Amino acid sequence: FFFNSSLTSKTKMSKTSVASITTRSSYVSHLRRAFLLRAHPDRFRTHSDSIGKGQAVIVQALAERLSAPDFNAYSANSDISIGRLNDVNKHKWKSYSFYLEEKNHGKLVKHTLDLSDNAENILQNIVQTLRSTGFTAIKPPSPPSSASS
């Protein structure tokens, strides 16, 4: 049996990559769940139908946006177009208005989320928006390493 040191170093590198992927992937997943819990149309049944329909639209649009190639690259810590939406698909996304209940008073507060922005900005905007509901933000993952060795 021969010891292959290059295989060992690749294995160590892949374990590091897996950890950072899990961190970014977990961060996106955590924010998605937090947003869904607060913006889901079922929470707005006592309000007008138009509010419920608007909530359904933003929830669906955000789900689609989070599965876009740039979000997949962001979650995977990929060097290719981290957090950037390629110009071909940018026209597909737009700004959406939606409501969330304010923490202290339970009043509905109207918010806007621009889904044509890059992944990092969208996630930062989601955190800012969720803070009005009492959400305690988790620490964002560290920037991806651009080491290509």
N, C-alpha and C. Protein backbone atom coordinates (compact mmCIF):
# COMPACT_ATOMS: atom_id res chain seq x y z
N PHE A 1 0.84 -1.19 0.00
CA PHE A 1 0.00 0.00 0.00
C PHE A 1 0.88 1.24 0.00
N PHE A 2 0.64 2.12 -0.96
CA PHE A 2 1.43 3.35 -1.08
C PHE A 2 0.62 4.54 -0.59
N PHE A 3 1.27 5.40 0.12
CA PHE A 3 0.63 6.59 0.65
C PHE A 3 0.67 7.68 -0.41
N ASN A 4 -0.46 8.25 -0.76
CA ASN A 4 -0.53 9.28 -1.78
C ASN A 4 -0.79 10.61 -1.10
N SER A 5 0.26 11.43 -0.97
CA SER A 5 0.13 12.70 -0.26
C SER A 5 -0.74 13.70 -1.00
N SER A 6 -0.77 13.64 -2.34
CA SER A 6 -1.61 14.59 -3.08
C SER A 6 -3.08 14.30 -2.84
N LEU A 7 -3.43 13.05 -2.70
CA LEU A 7 -4.81 12.68 -2.40
C LEU A 7 -5.20 13.18 -1.02
N THR A 8 -4.30 13.07 -0.06
CA THR A 8 -4.56 13.53 1.30
C THR A 8 -4.79 15.04 1.33
N SER A 9 -3.99 15.80 0.63
CA SER A 9 -4.17 17.25 0.63
C SER A 9 -5.47 17.65 -0.05
N LYS A 10 -5.85 16.91 -1.10
CA LYS A 10 -7.12 17.20 -1.76
C LYS A 10 -8.29 16.88 -0.82
N THR A 11 -8.16 15.81 -0.08
CA THR A 11 -9.21 15.44 0.86
C THR A 11 -9.37 16.50 1.94
N LYS A 12 -8.27 17.00 2.47
CA LYS A 12 -8.33 18.06 3.48
C LYS A 12 -8.97 19.31 2.90
N MET A 13 -8.63 19.66 1.67
CA MET A 13 -9.18 20.85 1.04
C MET A 13 -10.68 20.68 0.84
N SER A 14 -11.11 19.49 0.42
CA SER A 14 -12.53 19.29 0.19
C SER A 14 -13.32 19.34 1.49
N LYS A 15 -12.73 18.89 2.60
CA LYS A 15 -13.42 18.99 3.89
C LYS A 15 -13.62 20.45 4.28
N THR A 16 -12.63 21.29 4.01
CA THR A 16 -12.76 22.72 4.28
C THR A 16 -13.84 23.31 3.40
N SER A 17 -13.86 22.95 2.14
CA SER A 17 -14.87 23.47 1.22
C SER A 17 -16.27 23.04 1.65
N VAL A 18 -16.40 21.80 2.06
CA VAL A 18 -17.70 21.31 2.51
C VAL A 18 -18.17 22.11 3.71
N ALA A 19 -17.28 22.43 4.63
CA ALA A 19 -17.66 23.20 5.81
C ALA A 19 -18.15 24.58 5.42
N SER A 20 -17.48 25.25 4.48
CA SER A 20 -17.91 26.58 4.08
C SER A 20 -19.19 26.53 3.27
N ILE A 21 -19.36 25.46 2.48
CA ILE A 21 -20.61 25.31 1.74
C ILE A 21 -21.76 25.15 2.73
N THR A 22 -21.55 24.30 3.73
CA THR A 22 -22.59 24.08 4.73
C THR A 22 -22.92 25.38 5.44
N THR A 23 -21.91 26.17 5.75
CA THR A 23 -22.15 27.43 6.44
C THR A 23 -22.99 28.37 5.58
N ARG A 24 -22.60 28.59 4.33
CA ARG A 24 -23.35 29.48 3.45
C ARG A 24 -24.73 28.92 3.16
N SER A 25 -24.77 27.64 2.89
CA SER A 25 -26.04 26.99 2.60
C SER A 25 -26.98 27.08 3.80
N SER A 26 -26.44 26.86 4.99
CA SER A 26 -27.25 26.96 6.22
C SER A 26 -27.75 28.39 6.44
N TYR A 27 -26.89 29.35 6.16
CA TYR A 27 -27.25 30.76 6.32
C TYR A 27 -28.43 31.12 5.41
N VAL A 28 -28.34 30.75 4.15
CA VAL A 28 -29.42 31.03 3.20
C VAL A 28 -30.69 30.31 3.62
N SER A 29 -30.55 29.06 4.02
CA SER A 29 -31.70 28.27 4.45
C SER A 29 -32.36 28.87 5.69
N HIS A 30 -31.55 29.30 6.64
CA HIS A 30 -32.06 29.90 7.87
C HIS A 30 -32.85 31.18 7.58
N LEU A 31 -32.30 32.03 6.71
CA LEU A 31 -33.00 33.27 6.36
C LEU A 31 -34.27 32.99 5.57
N ARG A 32 -34.23 32.00 4.69
CA ARG A 32 -35.41 31.65 3.91
C ARG A 32 -36.54 31.20 4.84
N ARG A 33 -36.20 30.33 5.79
CA ARG A 33 -37.22 29.85 6.74
C ARG A 33 -37.76 30.98 7.61
N ALA A 34 -36.86 31.84 8.08
CA ALA A 34 -37.30 32.96 8.92
C ALA A 34 -38.24 33.88 8.15
N PHE A 35 -37.90 34.14 6.90
CA PHE A 35 -38.76 34.99 6.06
C PHE A 35 -40.10 34.31 5.82
N LEU A 36 -40.07 33.05 5.47
CA LEU A 36 -41.30 32.31 5.18
C LEU A 36 -42.23 32.28 6.40
N LEU A 37 -41.67 32.07 7.57
CA LEU A 37 -42.49 32.04 8.79
C LEU A 37 -43.21 33.36 9.03
N ARG A 38 -42.59 34.46 8.65
CA ARG A 38 -43.16 35.78 8.91
C ARG A 38 -43.98 36.34 7.75
N ALA A 39 -43.73 35.85 6.54
CA ALA A 39 -44.42 36.41 5.37
C ALA A 39 -45.43 35.46 4.75
N HIS A 40 -45.57 34.27 5.28
CA HIS A 40 -46.47 33.28 4.69
C HIS A 40 -47.90 33.82 4.63
N PRO A 41 -48.58 33.60 3.51
CA PRO A 41 -49.95 34.11 3.35
C PRO A 41 -50.92 33.67 4.44
N ASP A 42 -50.74 32.51 5.01
CA ASP A 42 -51.64 32.03 6.07
C ASP A 42 -51.64 32.94 7.29
N ARG A 43 -50.56 33.65 7.51
CA ARG A 43 -50.50 34.58 8.66
C ARG A 43 -51.37 35.81 8.45
N PHE A 44 -51.84 36.02 7.23
CA PHE A 44 -52.56 37.24 6.88
C PHE A 44 -54.01 36.96 6.48
N ARG A 45 -54.56 35.86 6.97
CA ARG A 45 -55.93 35.48 6.63
C ARG A 45 -56.96 36.49 7.13
N THR A 46 -56.68 37.17 8.23
CA THR A 46 -57.63 38.12 8.78
C THR A 46 -57.57 39.47 8.06
N HIS A 47 -56.65 39.61 7.13
CA HIS A 47 -56.51 40.86 6.37
C HIS A 47 -57.13 40.67 4.99
N SER A 48 -57.09 41.69 4.19
CA SER A 48 -57.74 41.63 2.88
C SER A 48 -57.12 40.55 1.99
N ASP A 49 -57.93 40.09 1.04
CA ASP A 49 -57.47 39.06 0.10
C ASP A 49 -56.27 39.54 -0.71
N SER A 50 -56.23 40.83 -1.03
CA SER A 50 -55.12 41.34 -1.84
C SER A 50 -53.79 41.24 -1.08
N ILE A 51 -53.82 41.40 0.23
CA ILE A 51 -52.59 41.25 1.01
C ILE A 51 -52.15 39.79 0.99
N GLY A 52 -53.06 38.88 1.19
CA GLY A 52 -52.72 37.46 1.14
C GLY A 52 -52.17 37.04 -0.21
N LYS A 53 -52.77 37.55 -1.29
CA LYS A 53 -52.28 37.23 -2.63
C LYS A 53 -50.89 37.82 -2.86
N GLY A 54 -50.67 39.03 -2.37
CA GLY A 54 -49.35 39.65 -2.49
C GLY A 54 -48.29 38.88 -1.73
N GLN A 55 -48.67 38.37 -0.56
CA GLN A 55 -47.74 37.57 0.23
C GLN A 55 -47.39 36.28 -0.51
N ALA A 56 -48.38 35.67 -1.15
CA ALA A 56 -48.12 34.45 -1.91
C ALA A 56 -47.16 34.72 -3.07
N VAL A 57 -47.31 35.88 -3.69
CA VAL A 57 -46.44 36.24 -4.81
C VAL A 57 -45.00 36.40 -4.35
N ILE A 58 -44.77 37.12 -3.26
CA ILE A 58 -43.39 37.33 -2.79
C ILE A 58 -42.77 36.02 -2.32
N VAL A 59 -43.53 35.17 -1.66
CA VAL A 59 -43.00 33.89 -1.17
C VAL A 59 -42.58 33.03 -2.36
N GLN A 60 -43.41 32.97 -3.40
CA GLN A 60 -43.08 32.18 -4.59
C GLN A 60 -41.89 32.77 -5.33
N ALA A 61 -41.87 34.10 -5.50
CA ALA A 61 -40.77 34.76 -6.21
C ALA A 61 -39.45 34.56 -5.48
N LEU A 62 -39.46 34.67 -4.16
CA LEU A 62 -38.24 34.49 -3.40
C LEU A 62 -37.75 33.04 -3.49
N ALA A 63 -38.66 32.10 -3.45
CA ALA A 63 -38.27 30.69 -3.59
C ALA A 63 -37.59 30.45 -4.94
N GLU A 64 -38.14 31.03 -5.99
CA GLU A 64 -37.53 30.88 -7.31
C GLU A 64 -36.18 31.58 -7.37
N ARG A 65 -36.10 32.76 -6.76
CA ARG A 65 -34.85 33.53 -6.80
C ARG A 65 -33.74 32.81 -6.03
N LEU A 66 -34.09 32.19 -4.91
CA LEU A 66 -33.10 31.48 -4.10
C LEU A 66 -32.59 30.22 -4.80
N SER A 67 -33.28 29.77 -5.84
CA SER A 67 -32.80 28.60 -6.58
C SER A 67 -32.13 29.01 -7.89
N ALA A 68 -31.91 30.31 -8.09
CA ALA A 68 -31.24 30.81 -9.30
C ALA A 68 -29.75 30.45 -9.24
N PRO A 69 -29.10 30.38 -10.41
CA PRO A 69 -27.69 29.98 -10.46
C PRO A 69 -26.75 30.80 -9.57
N ASP A 70 -26.97 32.10 -9.45
CA ASP A 70 -26.07 32.90 -8.62
C ASP A 70 -26.23 32.59 -7.14
N PHE A 71 -27.45 32.26 -6.71
CA PHE A 71 -27.64 31.86 -5.32
C PHE A 71 -27.04 30.48 -5.07
N ASN A 72 -27.16 29.60 -6.05
CA ASN A 72 -26.52 28.29 -5.92
C ASN A 72 -25.01 28.44 -5.82
N ALA A 73 -24.44 29.34 -6.62
CA ALA A 73 -22.99 29.59 -6.56
C ALA A 73 -22.62 30.20 -5.21
N TYR A 74 -23.43 31.13 -4.72
CA TYR A 74 -23.18 31.75 -3.42
C TYR A 74 -23.19 30.69 -2.32
N SER A 75 -24.21 29.84 -2.33
CA SER A 75 -24.33 28.80 -1.31
C SER A 75 -23.20 27.78 -1.39
N ALA A 76 -22.74 27.51 -2.60
CA ALA A 76 -21.68 26.52 -2.80
C ALA A 76 -20.29 27.12 -2.67
N ASN A 77 -20.23 28.42 -2.39
CA ASN A 77 -18.95 29.10 -2.24
C ASN A 77 -18.11 29.01 -3.51
N SER A 78 -18.79 28.99 -4.63
CA SER A 78 -18.13 28.84 -5.93
C SER A 78 -17.45 30.14 -6.34
N ASP A 79 -16.32 30.02 -7.02
CA ASP A 79 -15.61 31.20 -7.50
C ASP A 79 -16.31 31.83 -8.70
N ILE A 80 -17.17 31.09 -9.36
CA ILE A 80 -17.83 31.58 -10.55
C ILE A 80 -19.05 32.40 -10.16
N SER A 81 -19.04 33.66 -10.49
CA SER A 81 -20.12 34.63 -10.27
C SER A 81 -20.71 34.58 -8.87
N ILE A 82 -19.87 34.65 -7.87
CA ILE A 82 -20.36 34.70 -6.49
C ILE A 82 -21.25 35.92 -6.34
N GLY A 83 -22.49 35.66 -5.93
CA GLY A 83 -23.40 36.76 -5.63
C GLY A 83 -23.78 37.63 -6.80
N ARG A 84 -23.45 37.24 -8.01
CA ARG A 84 -23.77 38.07 -9.17
C ARG A 84 -24.82 37.37 -10.03
N LEU A 85 -25.80 38.11 -10.44
CA LEU A 85 -26.83 37.59 -11.33
C LEU A 85 -26.40 37.91 -12.74
N ASN A 86 -26.32 36.91 -13.59
CA ASN A 86 -25.88 37.23 -14.94
C ASN A 86 -26.93 38.07 -15.65
N ASP A 87 -26.47 38.93 -16.52
CA ASP A 87 -27.34 39.91 -17.16
C ASP A 87 -28.44 39.28 -18.00
N VAL A 88 -28.24 38.06 -18.46
CA VAL A 88 -29.26 37.39 -19.27
C VAL A 88 -30.53 37.18 -18.47
N ASN A 89 -30.41 36.80 -17.19
CA ASN A 89 -31.58 36.50 -16.36
C ASN A 89 -32.03 37.66 -15.50
N LYS A 90 -31.28 38.75 -15.47
CA LYS A 90 -31.60 39.85 -14.56
C LYS A 90 -32.98 40.45 -14.85
N HIS A 91 -33.37 40.49 -16.11
CA HIS A 91 -34.67 41.07 -16.47
C HIS A 91 -35.85 40.28 -15.90
N LYS A 92 -35.60 39.04 -15.52
CA LYS A 92 -36.66 38.17 -15.00
C LYS A 92 -37.12 38.61 -13.61
N TRP A 93 -36.24 39.25 -12.85
CA TRP A 93 -36.54 39.60 -11.46
C TRP A 93 -36.90 41.06 -11.33
N LYS A 94 -37.67 41.36 -10.31
CA LYS A 94 -38.10 42.74 -10.06
C LYS A 94 -38.24 42.97 -8.57
N SER A 95 -38.72 44.15 -8.21
CA SER A 95 -38.99 44.47 -6.81
C SER A 95 -40.41 44.03 -6.45
N TYR A 96 -40.55 43.53 -5.24
CA TYR A 96 -41.85 43.08 -4.75
C TYR A 96 -42.16 43.78 -3.44
N SER A 97 -43.41 44.15 -3.29
CA SER A 97 -43.88 44.72 -2.03
C SER A 97 -44.60 43.64 -1.25
N PHE A 98 -44.47 43.69 0.06
CA PHE A 98 -45.10 42.71 0.93
C PHE A 98 -45.24 43.31 2.31
N TYR A 99 -45.92 42.61 3.20
CA TYR A 99 -46.15 43.09 4.56
C TYR A 99 -45.56 42.12 5.58
N LEU A 100 -45.13 42.67 6.68
CA LEU A 100 -44.74 41.89 7.85
C LEU A 100 -45.35 42.58 9.07
N GLU A 101 -45.62 41.80 10.11
CA GLU A 101 -46.14 42.38 11.34
C GLU A 101 -45.00 42.92 12.17
N GLU A 102 -45.16 44.16 12.62
CA GLU A 102 -44.16 44.77 13.48
C GLU A 102 -44.14 44.07 14.83
N LYS A 103 -42.98 43.94 15.42
CA LYS A 103 -42.83 43.19 16.68
C LYS A 103 -43.64 43.78 17.82
N ASN A 104 -43.46 45.05 18.10
CA ASN A 104 -44.03 45.63 19.32
C ASN A 104 -45.52 45.91 19.24
N HIS A 105 -46.01 46.31 18.08
CA HIS A 105 -47.40 46.74 17.99
C HIS A 105 -48.29 45.81 17.17
N GLY A 106 -47.69 44.87 16.45
CA GLY A 106 -48.47 43.97 15.63
C GLY A 106 -49.07 44.62 14.39
N LYS A 107 -48.65 45.86 14.13
CA LYS A 107 -49.15 46.54 12.93
C LYS A 107 -48.47 45.97 11.70
N LEU A 108 -49.19 46.03 10.58
CA LEU A 108 -48.59 45.61 9.32
C LEU A 108 -47.71 46.73 8.79
N VAL A 109 -46.51 46.37 8.40
CA VAL A 109 -45.58 47.34 7.83
C VAL A 109 -45.23 46.85 6.43
N LYS A 110 -45.36 47.77 5.48
CA LYS A 110 -45.08 47.43 4.09
C LYS A 110 -43.57 47.51 3.83
N HIS A 111 -43.05 46.50 3.14
CA HIS A 111 -41.64 46.43 2.80
C HIS A 111 -41.51 46.15 1.31
N THR A 112 -40.32 46.38 0.78
CA THR A 112 -40.02 46.08 -0.62
C THR A 112 -38.72 45.31 -0.68
N LEU A 113 -38.68 44.31 -1.55
CA LEU A 113 -37.48 43.51 -1.74
C LEU A 113 -37.17 43.44 -3.22
N ASP A 114 -35.98 43.90 -3.60
CA ASP A 114 -35.55 43.90 -5.00
C ASP A 114 -34.83 42.59 -5.29
N LEU A 115 -35.48 41.72 -6.02
CA LEU A 115 -34.91 40.41 -6.33
C LEU A 115 -33.99 40.44 -7.54
N SER A 116 -33.81 41.61 -8.17
CA SER A 116 -32.87 41.71 -9.28
C SER A 116 -31.47 42.04 -8.79
N ASP A 117 -31.32 42.24 -7.49
CA ASP A 117 -30.03 42.56 -6.90
C ASP A 117 -29.18 41.29 -6.77
N ASN A 118 -27.93 41.45 -6.34
CA ASN A 118 -27.07 40.27 -6.18
C ASN A 118 -27.43 39.53 -4.88
N ALA A 119 -26.95 38.31 -4.78
CA ALA A 119 -27.31 37.43 -3.67
C ALA A 119 -27.01 38.03 -2.31
N GLU A 120 -25.83 38.58 -2.13
CA GLU A 120 -25.46 39.14 -0.83
C GLU A 120 -26.36 40.30 -0.43
N ASN A 121 -26.67 41.18 -1.38
CA ASN A 121 -27.55 42.31 -1.07
C ASN A 121 -28.97 41.86 -0.75
N ILE A 122 -29.46 40.88 -1.47
CA ILE A 122 -30.80 40.36 -1.18
C ILE A 122 -30.84 39.79 0.24
N LEU A 123 -29.84 39.02 0.60
CA LEU A 123 -29.81 38.44 1.95
C LEU A 123 -29.70 39.53 3.02
N GLN A 124 -28.89 40.55 2.77
CA GLN A 124 -28.78 41.67 3.72
C GLN A 124 -30.12 42.39 3.86
N ASN A 125 -30.83 42.58 2.74
CA ASN A 125 -32.13 43.23 2.79
C ASN A 125 -33.16 42.39 3.54
N ILE A 126 -33.08 41.08 3.38
CA ILE A 126 -33.99 40.20 4.12
C ILE A 126 -33.72 40.34 5.62
N VAL A 127 -32.46 40.36 6.02
CA VAL A 127 -32.11 40.51 7.44
C VAL A 127 -32.64 41.84 7.97
N GLN A 128 -32.42 42.92 7.23
CA GLN A 128 -32.89 44.25 7.65
C GLN A 128 -34.41 44.25 7.82
N THR A 129 -35.10 43.64 6.87
CA THR A 129 -36.56 43.59 6.91
C THR A 129 -37.04 42.76 8.11
N LEU A 130 -36.41 41.63 8.33
CA LEU A 130 -36.83 40.76 9.43
C LEU A 130 -36.58 41.36 10.80
N ARG A 131 -35.64 42.27 10.91
CA ARG A 131 -35.36 42.90 12.20
C ARG A 131 -36.57 43.63 12.76
N SER A 132 -37.43 44.16 11.88
CA SER A 132 -38.62 44.85 12.36
C SER A 132 -39.60 43.91 13.04
N THR A 133 -39.42 42.60 12.81
CA THR A 133 -40.29 41.60 13.42
C THR A 133 -39.69 41.01 14.69
N GLY A 134 -38.51 41.48 15.07
CA GLY A 134 -37.85 40.96 16.26
C GLY A 134 -36.85 39.86 15.95
N PHE A 135 -36.60 39.61 14.69
CA PHE A 135 -35.64 38.58 14.28
C PHE A 135 -34.24 38.97 14.74
N THR A 136 -33.57 38.03 15.37
CA THR A 136 -32.19 38.23 15.76
C THR A 136 -31.33 37.61 14.68
N ALA A 137 -30.63 38.45 13.96
CA ALA A 137 -29.87 37.99 12.81
C ALA A 137 -28.71 37.10 13.23
N ILE A 138 -28.48 36.10 12.41
CA ILE A 138 -27.29 35.28 12.60
C ILE A 138 -26.14 35.95 11.86
N LYS A 139 -24.95 35.62 12.27
CA LYS A 139 -23.78 36.21 11.64
C LYS A 139 -23.64 35.67 10.22
N PRO A 140 -23.49 36.57 9.22
CA PRO A 140 -23.32 36.10 7.85
C PRO A 140 -22.01 35.32 7.71
N PRO A 141 -21.98 34.39 6.78
CA PRO A 141 -20.75 33.62 6.59
C PRO A 141 -19.63 34.52 6.06
N SER A 142 -18.41 34.09 6.28
CA SER A 142 -17.27 34.88 5.80
C SER A 142 -17.25 34.86 4.28
N PRO A 143 -16.65 35.87 3.68
CA PRO A 143 -16.57 35.93 2.22
C PRO A 143 -15.85 34.69 1.68
N PRO A 144 -16.23 34.27 0.49
CA PRO A 144 -15.59 33.09 -0.08
C PRO A 144 -14.11 33.33 -0.34
N SER A 145 -13.33 32.28 -0.17
CA SER A 145 -11.91 32.42 -0.45
C SER A 145 -11.72 32.27 -1.95
N SER A 146 -10.88 33.12 -2.49
CA SER A 146 -10.65 33.07 -3.94
C SER A 146 -9.34 32.36 -4.25
N ALA A 147 -8.87 31.56 -3.31
CA ALA A 147 -7.65 30.79 -3.56
C ALA A 147 -7.95 29.66 -4.52
N SER A 148 -7.22 29.59 -5.57
CA SER A 148 -7.47 28.55 -6.58
C SER A 148 -6.28 27.63 -6.69
N SER A 149 -5.81 27.14 -5.57
CA SER A 149 -4.68 26.20 -5.61
C SER A 149 -5.11 24.80 -5.38
